[in-house]
Amino acid sequence: MTLSQSDFAFVSQLVKREAAIVLAPGKEYLVEARLIPVARQLGAGSVGEFLAGLQRRPNVADQQRIVDALTTNETSWFRDREPFTALTEVVLPELVQARASARKLRVWSAASSSGQEAYSLAITMQEALPSGWGYEIMGSDISTEMIGRAEKGEYSQVEVNRGLPATTLVQYFDRIGTHWRVAPTLRRNVSFRLMNLTAPIPAMPPFDVIFLRNVLIYFDVATKKSVLHNVAKLLRPDGWLFLGAAETTIGIDDNYERVAAGRTSAYKIRAAVPAGTAKRG
């Protein structure tokens, strides 16, 4: 691996500017490994050659390819399992009582990658909600490539083997050659949109549940505060926020409180601070 410090600095600044992701020194190997396929696809002899050309002749499409390559992260079906168990056993029973008149729930998978989390949430809602209830799942991601894959809803055998029980696979997916495609019963309740969580978030109806998992760990403290502040405006006053196991609002945004949810924990807007009025800090 031969990524120069100047090339690493260029990529770091680009990703920080476009996605607010901090690439600390020592990540040179990761950056080069992620960009080798991009360079090859574009006909460059090396990552250094690709970056040199891009710096001489800035190209928005190629810059987006870099952001996509460095923001595409690990994903699987029902990842870490406990948040989905908590959703079924704790959160949904409470929300079913609270939304008895509307009989509909909205859920946001805020960093949906290639769609596994969003469709896992759809399966959970499909199986746990009472008959006659409706739901909407919205997935968002900063990567155009991942949004395209999620909208297609088609996965290889290797991908479906990562956390998807065989009975669930057969029930909610259709076999298409060597791949599996999400069945219409799920797909009609799930939508995806391109979104940068660190930029102003577009106006949307509020959500009952938000999964913002394994995202904040890539941001500095100021960006975490900004993201949590913006998310609060889209979480209903009695809604639930799920973060990754290594993430917390504690010491970052005091407008949230951590609450037990089965064998895991989640976050809610403090009762004294209505959603959408929280101050940063």
Protein backbone atom coordinates (compact mmCIF):
# COMPACT_ATOMS: atom_id res chain seq x y z
CA MET A 1 0.00 0.00 0.00
CA THR A 2 1.49 3.33 -1.07
CA LEU A 3 -1.09 6.06 -0.36
CA SER A 4 0.78 9.33 0.16
CA GLN A 5 0.06 11.68 3.05
CA SER A 6 -1.11 14.37 0.62
CA ASP A 7 -3.55 11.94 -1.04
CA PHE A 8 -4.80 10.78 2.36
CA ALA A 9 -5.30 14.41 3.40
CA PHE A 10 -7.25 15.10 0.19
CA VAL A 11 -9.56 12.12 0.76
CA SER A 12 -9.96 12.92 4.47
CA GLN A 13 -10.97 16.50 3.71
CA LEU A 14 -13.39 15.38 1.00
CA VAL A 15 -15.13 12.82 3.21
CA LYS A 16 -15.24 15.23 6.16
CA ARG A 17 -16.78 17.94 3.98
CA GLU A 18 -19.32 15.72 2.23
CA ALA A 19 -20.22 13.21 4.96
CA ALA A 20 -18.77 14.64 8.22
CA ILE A 21 -16.86 11.39 8.71
CA VAL A 22 -13.51 11.77 10.46
CA LEU A 23 -10.65 9.69 9.05
CA ALA A 24 -7.92 9.77 11.66
CA PRO A 25 -4.26 9.19 10.80
CA GLY A 26 -3.59 5.47 10.59
CA LYS A 27 -6.55 4.84 8.28
CA GLU A 28 -4.43 5.10 5.12
CA TYR A 29 -4.55 1.34 4.53
CA LEU A 30 -8.36 1.31 4.82
CA VAL A 31 -8.72 4.25 2.44
CA GLU A 32 -6.51 2.70 -0.21
CA ALA A 33 -8.16 -0.71 0.12
CA ARG A 34 -11.61 0.85 -0.35
CA LEU A 35 -10.51 2.94 -3.33
CA ILE A 36 -8.62 0.27 -5.30
CA PRO A 37 -11.84 -1.07 -6.92
CA VAL A 38 -12.95 2.48 -7.74
CA ALA A 39 -9.62 3.30 -9.39
CA ARG A 40 -9.67 0.07 -11.40
CA GLN A 41 -13.26 0.62 -12.52
CA LEU A 42 -12.31 4.04 -13.88
CA GLY A 43 -9.23 2.73 -15.68
CA ALA A 44 -6.58 4.21 -13.40
CA GLY A 45 -3.37 2.27 -12.83
CA SER A 46 -3.39 2.96 -9.09
CA VAL A 47 -5.25 4.83 -6.37
CA GLY A 48 -2.57 7.51 -6.46
CA GLU A 49 -3.07 7.99 -10.20
CA PHE A 50 -6.83 8.20 -9.75
CA LEU A 51 -6.57 10.79 -6.96
CA ALA A 52 -3.96 12.85 -8.81
CA GLY A 53 -6.26 13.10 -11.83
CA LEU A 54 -9.23 14.00 -9.65
CA GLN A 55 -7.30 16.77 -7.91
CA ARG A 56 -6.23 18.21 -11.28
CA ARG A 57 -9.72 17.94 -12.76
CA PRO A 58 -12.38 17.90 -10.00
CA ASN A 59 -15.30 15.66 -10.90
CA VAL A 60 -18.45 15.52 -8.76
CA ALA A 61 -19.33 11.98 -9.87
CA ASP A 62 -15.90 10.62 -8.94
CA GLN A 63 -15.95 12.48 -5.64
CA GLN A 64 -19.27 10.78 -4.87
CA ARG A 65 -17.70 7.42 -5.72
CA ILE A 66 -15.09 8.08 -3.04
CA VAL A 67 -17.76 9.00 -0.49
CA ASP A 68 -19.74 5.88 -1.39
CA ALA A 69 -16.67 3.66 -1.03
CA LEU A 70 -15.77 5.05 2.38
CA THR A 71 -19.28 5.20 3.87
CA THR A 72 -20.40 1.69 2.92
CA ASN A 73 -20.32 -0.21 6.19
CA GLU A 74 -21.03 -3.61 7.67
CA THR A 75 -24.67 -4.71 7.59
CA SER A 76 -26.71 -7.87 8.09
CA TRP A 77 -30.25 -9.02 8.80
CA PHE A 78 -31.56 -8.34 12.32
CA ARG A 79 -28.11 -7.08 13.28
CA ASP A 80 -27.33 -7.52 16.99
CA ARG A 81 -30.83 -9.04 17.37
CA GLU A 82 -31.62 -7.46 20.77
CA PRO A 83 -32.99 -4.16 19.37
CA PHE A 84 -35.42 -6.15 17.22
CA THR A 85 -36.43 -8.29 20.20
CA ALA A 86 -37.00 -5.12 22.22
CA LEU A 87 -39.06 -3.70 19.38
CA THR A 88 -41.31 -6.78 19.38
CA GLU A 89 -41.62 -7.32 23.12
CA VAL A 90 -41.48 -3.80 24.59
CA VAL A 91 -41.84 -0.99 22.06
CA LEU A 92 -44.61 -2.20 19.76
CA PRO A 93 -47.00 -3.26 22.55
CA GLU A 94 -46.67 0.23 24.05
CA LEU A 95 -47.12 1.99 20.72
CA VAL A 96 -50.11 -0.18 19.76
CA GLN A 97 -51.90 1.10 22.85
CA ALA A 98 -50.85 4.71 22.22
CA ARG A 99 -51.83 4.66 18.51
CA ALA A 100 -55.08 2.73 18.84
CA SER A 101 -57.01 5.32 16.87
CA ALA A 102 -54.50 5.76 14.01
CA ARG A 103 -53.55 2.05 13.76
CA LYS A 104 -50.43 2.95 11.82
CA LEU A 105 -46.74 3.35 12.70
CA ARG A 106 -43.82 5.08 10.98
CA VAL A 107 -40.25 3.80 11.37
CA TRP A 108 -37.01 5.31 10.06
CA SER A 109 -33.87 3.29 9.33
CA ALA A 110 -31.59 6.32 9.25
CA ALA A 111 -28.47 4.65 7.83
CA SER A 112 -29.98 1.78 5.88
CA SER A 113 -26.97 0.84 3.71
CA SER A 114 -28.10 -1.82 1.22
CA GLY A 115 -31.49 -2.23 2.91
CA GLN A 116 -31.12 -5.17 5.28
CA GLU A 117 -32.03 -3.17 8.38
CA ALA A 118 -35.07 -1.54 6.77
CA TYR A 119 -36.42 -4.85 5.51
CA SER A 120 -35.66 -6.49 8.89
CA LEU A 121 -37.81 -3.79 10.48
CA ALA A 122 -40.55 -4.47 7.94
CA ILE A 123 -40.50 -8.18 8.75
CA THR A 124 -40.69 -7.35 12.46
CA MET A 125 -43.69 -5.07 11.92
CA GLN A 126 -45.36 -7.57 9.63
CA GLU A 127 -45.17 -10.27 12.28
CA ALA A 128 -45.69 -8.27 15.49
CA LEU A 129 -48.43 -5.76 14.66
CA PRO A 130 -52.08 -6.74 15.20
CA SER A 131 -54.27 -7.49 12.21
CA GLY A 132 -55.58 -4.37 10.54
CA TRP A 133 -52.58 -2.22 11.38
CA GLY A 134 -50.42 -0.47 8.79
CA TYR A 135 -46.81 0.65 8.84
CA GLU A 136 -44.32 2.63 6.81
CA ILE A 137 -40.57 2.03 6.85
CA MET A 138 -38.28 4.69 5.42
CA GLY A 139 -34.64 3.90 4.83
CA SER A 140 -32.06 6.59 4.13
CA ASP A 141 -28.37 6.57 3.30
CA ILE A 142 -25.72 8.93 2.00
CA SER A 143 -24.54 6.45 -0.65
CA THR A 144 -26.25 6.52 -4.04
CA GLU A 145 -25.00 3.00 -4.70
CA MET A 146 -26.51 1.64 -1.48
CA ILE A 147 -29.85 3.36 -2.08
CA GLY A 148 -29.96 1.77 -5.53
CA ARG A 149 -29.29 -1.67 -4.09
CA ALA A 150 -31.85 -1.21 -1.32
CA GLU A 151 -34.54 -0.12 -3.77
CA LYS A 152 -33.83 -3.13 -5.93
CA GLY A 153 -34.27 -5.39 -2.89
CA GLU A 154 -32.30 -8.27 -4.38
CA TYR A 155 -29.68 -10.22 -2.43
CA SER A 156 -27.24 -13.06 -3.03
CA GLN A 157 -27.35 -16.34 -1.17
CA VAL A 158 -24.32 -15.26 0.85
CA GLU A 159 -26.10 -12.05 1.88
CA VAL A 160 -29.34 -13.71 2.95
CA ASN A 161 -27.35 -16.27 4.95
CA ARG A 162 -26.15 -13.47 7.21
CA GLY A 163 -28.83 -13.42 9.90
CA LEU A 164 -31.95 -14.34 7.94
CA PRO A 165 -33.68 -17.53 9.20
CA ALA A 166 -34.60 -19.99 6.43
CA THR A 167 -38.30 -19.87 7.27
CA THR A 168 -38.29 -16.07 7.06
CA LEU A 169 -36.40 -16.17 3.78
CA VAL A 170 -38.96 -18.47 2.16
CA GLN A 171 -41.91 -16.46 3.51
CA TYR A 172 -40.79 -12.95 2.57
CA PHE A 173 -38.53 -13.41 -0.45
CA ASP A 174 -38.93 -14.74 -3.99
CA ARG A 175 -36.20 -16.81 -5.62
CA ILE A 176 -34.82 -15.12 -8.74
CA GLY A 177 -32.17 -17.36 -10.29
CA THR A 178 -29.32 -17.48 -7.78
CA HIS A 179 -30.62 -14.44 -5.88
CA TRP A 180 -33.51 -13.60 -3.57
CA ARG A 181 -35.83 -10.62 -4.04
CA VAL A 182 -37.96 -8.98 -1.35
CA ALA A 183 -41.59 -9.99 -1.84
CA PRO A 184 -44.24 -7.35 -2.66
CA THR A 185 -45.91 -7.85 0.74
CA LEU A 186 -42.87 -6.22 2.34
CA ARG A 187 -41.65 -4.00 -0.47
CA ARG A 188 -44.84 -1.96 -0.71
CA ASN A 189 -44.35 -0.70 2.86
CA VAL A 190 -40.70 0.31 2.47
CA SER A 191 -39.22 3.35 0.72
CA PHE A 192 -35.70 4.70 0.44
CA ARG A 193 -34.24 8.14 -0.08
CA LEU A 194 -30.79 9.63 -0.43
CA MET A 195 -29.98 11.66 2.67
CA ASN A 196 -26.97 13.16 4.39
CA LEU A 197 -27.68 13.13 8.12
CA THR A 198 -25.15 15.90 8.73
CA ALA A 199 -26.90 18.30 6.35
CA PRO A 200 -30.29 19.95 7.02
CA ILE A 201 -32.82 17.10 7.11
CA PRO A 202 -35.86 17.64 4.87
CA ALA A 203 -39.25 18.15 6.47
CA MET A 204 -41.06 14.85 7.01
CA PRO A 205 -43.92 13.56 9.15
CA PRO A 206 -42.58 12.43 12.56
CA PHE A 207 -41.59 8.85 13.31
CA ASP A 208 -42.63 6.51 16.10
CA VAL A 209 -39.32 4.61 16.03
CA ILE A 210 -35.93 5.64 14.67
CA PHE A 211 -33.00 3.28 14.21
CA LEU A 212 -29.82 5.38 14.09
CA ARG A 213 -27.43 2.54 14.71
CA ASN A 214 -23.66 2.43 14.19
CA VAL A 215 -23.59 5.91 12.65
CA LEU A 216 -22.60 8.35 15.38
CA ILE A 217 -19.32 6.51 16.00
CA TYR A 218 -17.95 7.99 12.77
CA PHE A 219 -18.64 11.63 13.74
CA ASP A 220 -16.90 14.15 15.97
CA VAL A 221 -18.78 15.46 19.03
CA ALA A 222 -20.09 18.61 17.33
CA THR A 223 -21.54 16.56 14.47
CA LYS A 224 -23.08 14.04 16.89
CA LYS A 225 -24.82 16.92 18.68
CA SER A 226 -26.14 18.32 15.42
CA VAL A 227 -27.43 14.95 14.20
CA LEU A 228 -29.14 14.14 17.51
CA HIS A 229 -30.72 17.60 17.58
CA ASN A 230 -32.12 17.15 14.06
CA VAL A 231 -33.34 13.63 14.78
CA ALA A 232 -35.23 14.87 17.86
CA LYS A 233 -37.33 17.07 15.59
CA LEU A 234 -38.53 13.98 13.72
CA LEU A 235 -39.17 11.73 16.72
CA ARG A 236 -42.66 11.79 18.19
CA PRO A 237 -42.78 12.88 21.86
CA ASP A 238 -43.31 9.28 23.00
CA GLY A 239 -41.18 7.76 20.23
CA TRP A 240 -38.16 5.51 20.60
CA LEU A 241 -34.60 6.02 19.33
CA PHE A 242 -32.25 3.04 19.00
CA LEU A 243 -28.49 3.62 18.74
CA GLY A 244 -25.64 1.16 18.24
CA ALA A 245 -24.21 -0.74 21.20
CA ALA A 246 -21.14 1.53 21.31
CA GLU A 247 -23.15 4.76 21.00
CA THR A 248 -24.95 6.99 23.48
CA THR A 249 -26.55 10.41 23.87
CA ILE A 250 -25.12 10.75 27.40
CA GLY A 251 -22.73 13.65 27.63
CA ILE A 252 -23.70 14.75 24.11
CA ASP A 253 -27.38 15.72 24.19
CA ASP A 254 -29.18 15.93 27.55
CA ASN A 255 -32.57 16.24 25.90
CA TYR A 256 -32.65 12.44 25.61
CA GLU A 257 -32.93 9.94 28.41
CA ARG A 258 -31.82 6.32 28.24
CA VAL A 259 -34.53 3.80 29.04
CA ALA A 260 -34.49 0.04 29.46
CA ALA A 261 -35.95 -1.97 26.58
CA GLY A 262 -35.80 -5.67 27.37
CA ARG A 263 -32.15 -6.75 27.49
CA THR A 264 -30.97 -3.60 25.73
CA SER A 265 -31.61 0.13 26.02
CA ALA A 266 -33.09 2.88 23.87
CA TYR A 267 -33.59 6.62 24.12
CA LYS A 268 -36.61 8.88 24.46
CA ILE A 269 -37.10 12.63 24.51
CA ARG A 270 -37.26 13.83 28.10
CA ALA A 271 -40.87 14.54 29.07
CA ALA A 272 -40.12 18.15 29.98
CA VAL A 273 -38.74 18.88 26.51
CA PRO A 274 -41.21 18.31 23.65
CA ALA A 275 -39.73 16.79 20.51
CA GLY A 276 -38.50 19.41 18.11
CA THR A 277 -37.75 22.06 20.76
CA ALA A 278 -34.57 20.54 22.13
CA LYS A 279 -31.54 22.80 22.28
CA ARG A 280 -28.12 21.59 21.26
CA GLY A 281 -25.70 20.57 23.93
